[in-house]
Amino acid sequence: MNDSDMTLASGVAAFEAKEFRRAFQLLAPLAARGEADAQFRVAVMSQNGLGGVVNEALAFSSMRDAAGQGHGLAQHGLGVMYLYGECVEKNEAEAARWFRRAADQGLAGAMMTLGMMYEQGLGVERDAEQARRLYARSESTNSG
């Protein structure tokens, strides 16, 4: 394990232990260097003011960068940001795009949210059958 891996492991452990100031100190430099898991956790902390003050710009850019690298939880998080207009202007079509990417990685929550979007016609054309398929896929993912 190299120094970056050890720092990431320590930062994740601090995050999980809700020691957010320490987690931010450890993870922010890794996030700045492009480490997707660090970017995701920095985004969560920045969005919610965990361990410091709310920083919506950092939250959005970190979430977007991690999502762009294929980090499933960050793709889901970016979808939430776009769906509700948190840290970025509300854009339901963009939200659906990110939820679809997270769902394609097997995230049940993204499947459920995307199903709801198809059911209600939010950012996508209303499609009850597609909603039903997504709900069923989510259920099978959760039970499997």
Protein backbone atom coordinates (compact mmCIF):
# COMPACT_ATOMS: atom_id res chain seq x y z
CA MET A 1 0.00 0.00 0.00
CA ASN A 2 1.48 3.35 -1.03
CA ASP A 3 1.17 6.65 0.87
CA SER A 4 -1.86 7.81 -1.15
CA ASP A 5 -3.66 4.51 -0.50
CA MET A 6 -2.90 4.76 3.22
CA THR A 7 -4.08 8.37 3.33
CA LEU A 8 -7.26 7.42 1.46
CA ALA A 9 -7.92 4.53 3.84
CA SER A 10 -7.34 6.82 6.84
CA GLY A 11 -9.58 9.52 5.35
CA VAL A 12 -12.36 7.02 4.62
CA ALA A 13 -12.07 5.63 8.15
CA ALA A 14 -12.32 9.15 9.60
CA PHE A 15 -15.33 9.87 7.37
CA GLU A 16 -17.07 6.66 8.45
CA ALA A 17 -16.33 7.50 12.10
CA LYS A 18 -17.92 10.93 11.52
CA GLU A 19 -14.60 12.66 12.25
CA PHE A 20 -15.27 15.04 9.37
CA ARG A 21 -12.60 17.68 10.06
CA ARG A 22 -9.91 15.00 10.01
CA ALA A 23 -11.49 13.29 7.00
CA PHE A 24 -11.52 16.56 5.07
CA GLN A 25 -7.87 17.25 5.93
CA LEU A 26 -6.87 13.82 4.64
CA LEU A 27 -9.17 13.59 1.62
CA ALA A 28 -9.08 17.12 0.17
CA PRO A 29 -5.52 16.83 -1.21
CA LEU A 30 -6.35 13.44 -2.76
CA ALA A 31 -9.54 14.87 -4.25
CA ALA A 32 -7.55 17.73 -5.76
CA ARG A 33 -5.29 15.12 -7.39
CA GLY A 34 -8.28 13.36 -8.95
CA GLU A 35 -8.97 10.42 -6.58
CA ALA A 36 -12.67 9.68 -7.24
CA ASP A 37 -13.59 8.24 -3.84
CA ALA A 38 -11.95 11.20 -2.09
CA GLN A 39 -13.79 13.58 -4.44
CA PHE A 40 -17.12 11.93 -3.62
CA ARG A 41 -16.57 12.20 0.13
CA VAL A 42 -15.29 15.80 -0.10
CA ALA A 43 -18.45 16.60 -2.09
CA VAL A 44 -20.71 15.11 0.58
CA MET A 45 -18.90 16.98 3.36
CA SER A 46 -18.88 20.27 1.42
CA GLN A 47 -22.56 20.00 0.48
CA ASN A 48 -23.63 19.41 4.07
CA GLY A 49 -21.06 21.48 5.96
CA LEU A 50 -19.63 18.42 7.68
CA GLY A 51 -16.37 19.34 9.35
CA GLY A 52 -16.52 22.90 8.10
CA VAL A 53 -18.75 25.32 6.25
CA VAL A 54 -21.06 24.53 3.36
CA ASN A 55 -19.26 25.06 0.05
CA GLU A 56 -21.71 24.39 -2.78
CA ALA A 57 -19.20 25.14 -5.54
CA LEU A 58 -16.70 22.63 -4.16
CA ALA A 59 -19.49 20.12 -3.51
CA PHE A 60 -20.72 20.32 -7.12
CA SER A 61 -17.30 20.28 -8.77
CA SER A 62 -16.08 17.38 -6.62
CA MET A 63 -19.27 15.35 -7.20
CA ARG A 64 -19.13 16.06 -10.95
CA ASP A 65 -15.47 15.07 -11.18
CA ALA A 66 -16.00 11.80 -9.29
CA ALA A 67 -19.14 11.01 -11.32
CA GLY A 68 -17.25 11.66 -14.53
CA GLN A 69 -14.71 9.03 -13.48
CA GLY A 70 -17.49 6.45 -13.15
CA HIS A 71 -17.94 6.55 -9.35
CA GLY A 72 -21.48 5.14 -8.99
CA LEU A 73 -22.40 6.84 -5.71
CA ALA A 74 -21.16 10.15 -7.11
CA GLN A 75 -23.26 9.64 -10.26
CA HIS A 76 -26.28 9.10 -8.01
CA GLY A 77 -25.30 12.13 -5.90
CA LEU A 78 -24.94 14.30 -8.98
CA GLY A 79 -28.37 13.14 -10.12
CA VAL A 80 -29.81 14.23 -6.77
CA MET A 81 -28.12 17.62 -7.11
CA TYR A 82 -29.65 18.17 -10.55
CA LEU A 83 -33.06 16.77 -9.59
CA TYR A 84 -33.52 19.07 -6.61
CA GLY A 85 -31.36 22.02 -7.69
CA GLU A 86 -28.85 21.50 -4.87
CA CYS A 87 -25.47 23.16 -5.54
CA VAL A 88 -26.45 23.54 -9.21
CA GLU A 89 -29.39 24.80 -11.24
CA LYS A 90 -32.24 22.27 -11.31
CA ASN A 91 -32.18 20.19 -14.50
CA GLU A 92 -34.35 17.08 -14.49
CA ALA A 93 -33.08 15.80 -17.86
CA GLU A 94 -29.49 16.00 -16.60
CA ALA A 95 -30.58 14.30 -13.36
CA ALA A 96 -32.08 11.42 -15.35
CA ARG A 97 -28.84 11.05 -17.32
CA TRP A 98 -26.77 10.66 -14.14
CA PHE A 99 -29.29 8.38 -12.43
CA ARG A 100 -29.23 6.18 -15.55
CA ARG A 101 -25.43 5.92 -15.36
CA ALA A 102 -25.60 4.97 -11.66
CA ALA A 103 -28.42 2.49 -12.33
CA ASP A 104 -26.32 0.89 -15.07
CA GLN A 105 -23.74 0.20 -12.36
CA GLY A 106 -26.34 -1.62 -10.29
CA LEU A 107 -27.27 1.06 -7.72
CA ALA A 108 -30.79 0.17 -6.59
CA GLY A 109 -31.53 3.67 -5.28
CA ALA A 110 -30.73 5.16 -8.68
CA MET A 111 -33.03 2.60 -10.33
CA MET A 112 -35.85 3.54 -7.96
CA THR A 113 -35.38 7.27 -8.52
CA LEU A 114 -35.15 6.85 -12.28
CA GLY A 115 -38.30 4.71 -12.17
CA MET A 116 -40.09 7.49 -10.31
CA MET A 117 -38.90 9.97 -12.93
CA TYR A 118 -40.33 7.79 -15.73
CA GLU A 119 -43.54 7.33 -13.77
CA GLN A 120 -43.96 11.09 -13.32
CA GLY A 121 -42.36 12.27 -16.56
CA LEU A 122 -39.59 14.23 -14.83
CA GLY A 123 -36.74 14.92 -17.24
CA VAL A 124 -37.83 11.98 -19.40
CA GLU A 125 -40.96 11.15 -21.33
CA ARG A 126 -43.55 9.52 -19.10
CA ASP A 127 -43.29 5.74 -19.55
CA ALA A 128 -45.15 3.54 -17.06
CA GLU A 129 -43.66 0.34 -18.50
CA GLN A 130 -40.09 1.62 -18.17
CA ALA A 131 -40.89 2.75 -14.61
CA ARG A 132 -42.20 -0.74 -13.80
CA ARG A 133 -39.05 -2.37 -15.24
CA LEU A 134 -36.80 -0.10 -13.19
CA TYR A 135 -38.75 -0.72 -9.98
CA ALA A 136 -38.58 -4.49 -10.58
CA ARG A 137 -34.86 -4.32 -11.34
CA SER A 138 -34.30 -2.35 -8.14
CA GLU A 139 -36.19 -4.92 -6.10
CA SER A 140 -34.19 -7.79 -7.58
CA THR A 141 -30.96 -5.88 -6.95
CA ASN A 142 -31.91 -5.27 -3.31
CA SER A 143 -32.92 -8.88 -2.70
CA GLY A 144 -29.99 -10.39 -4.54
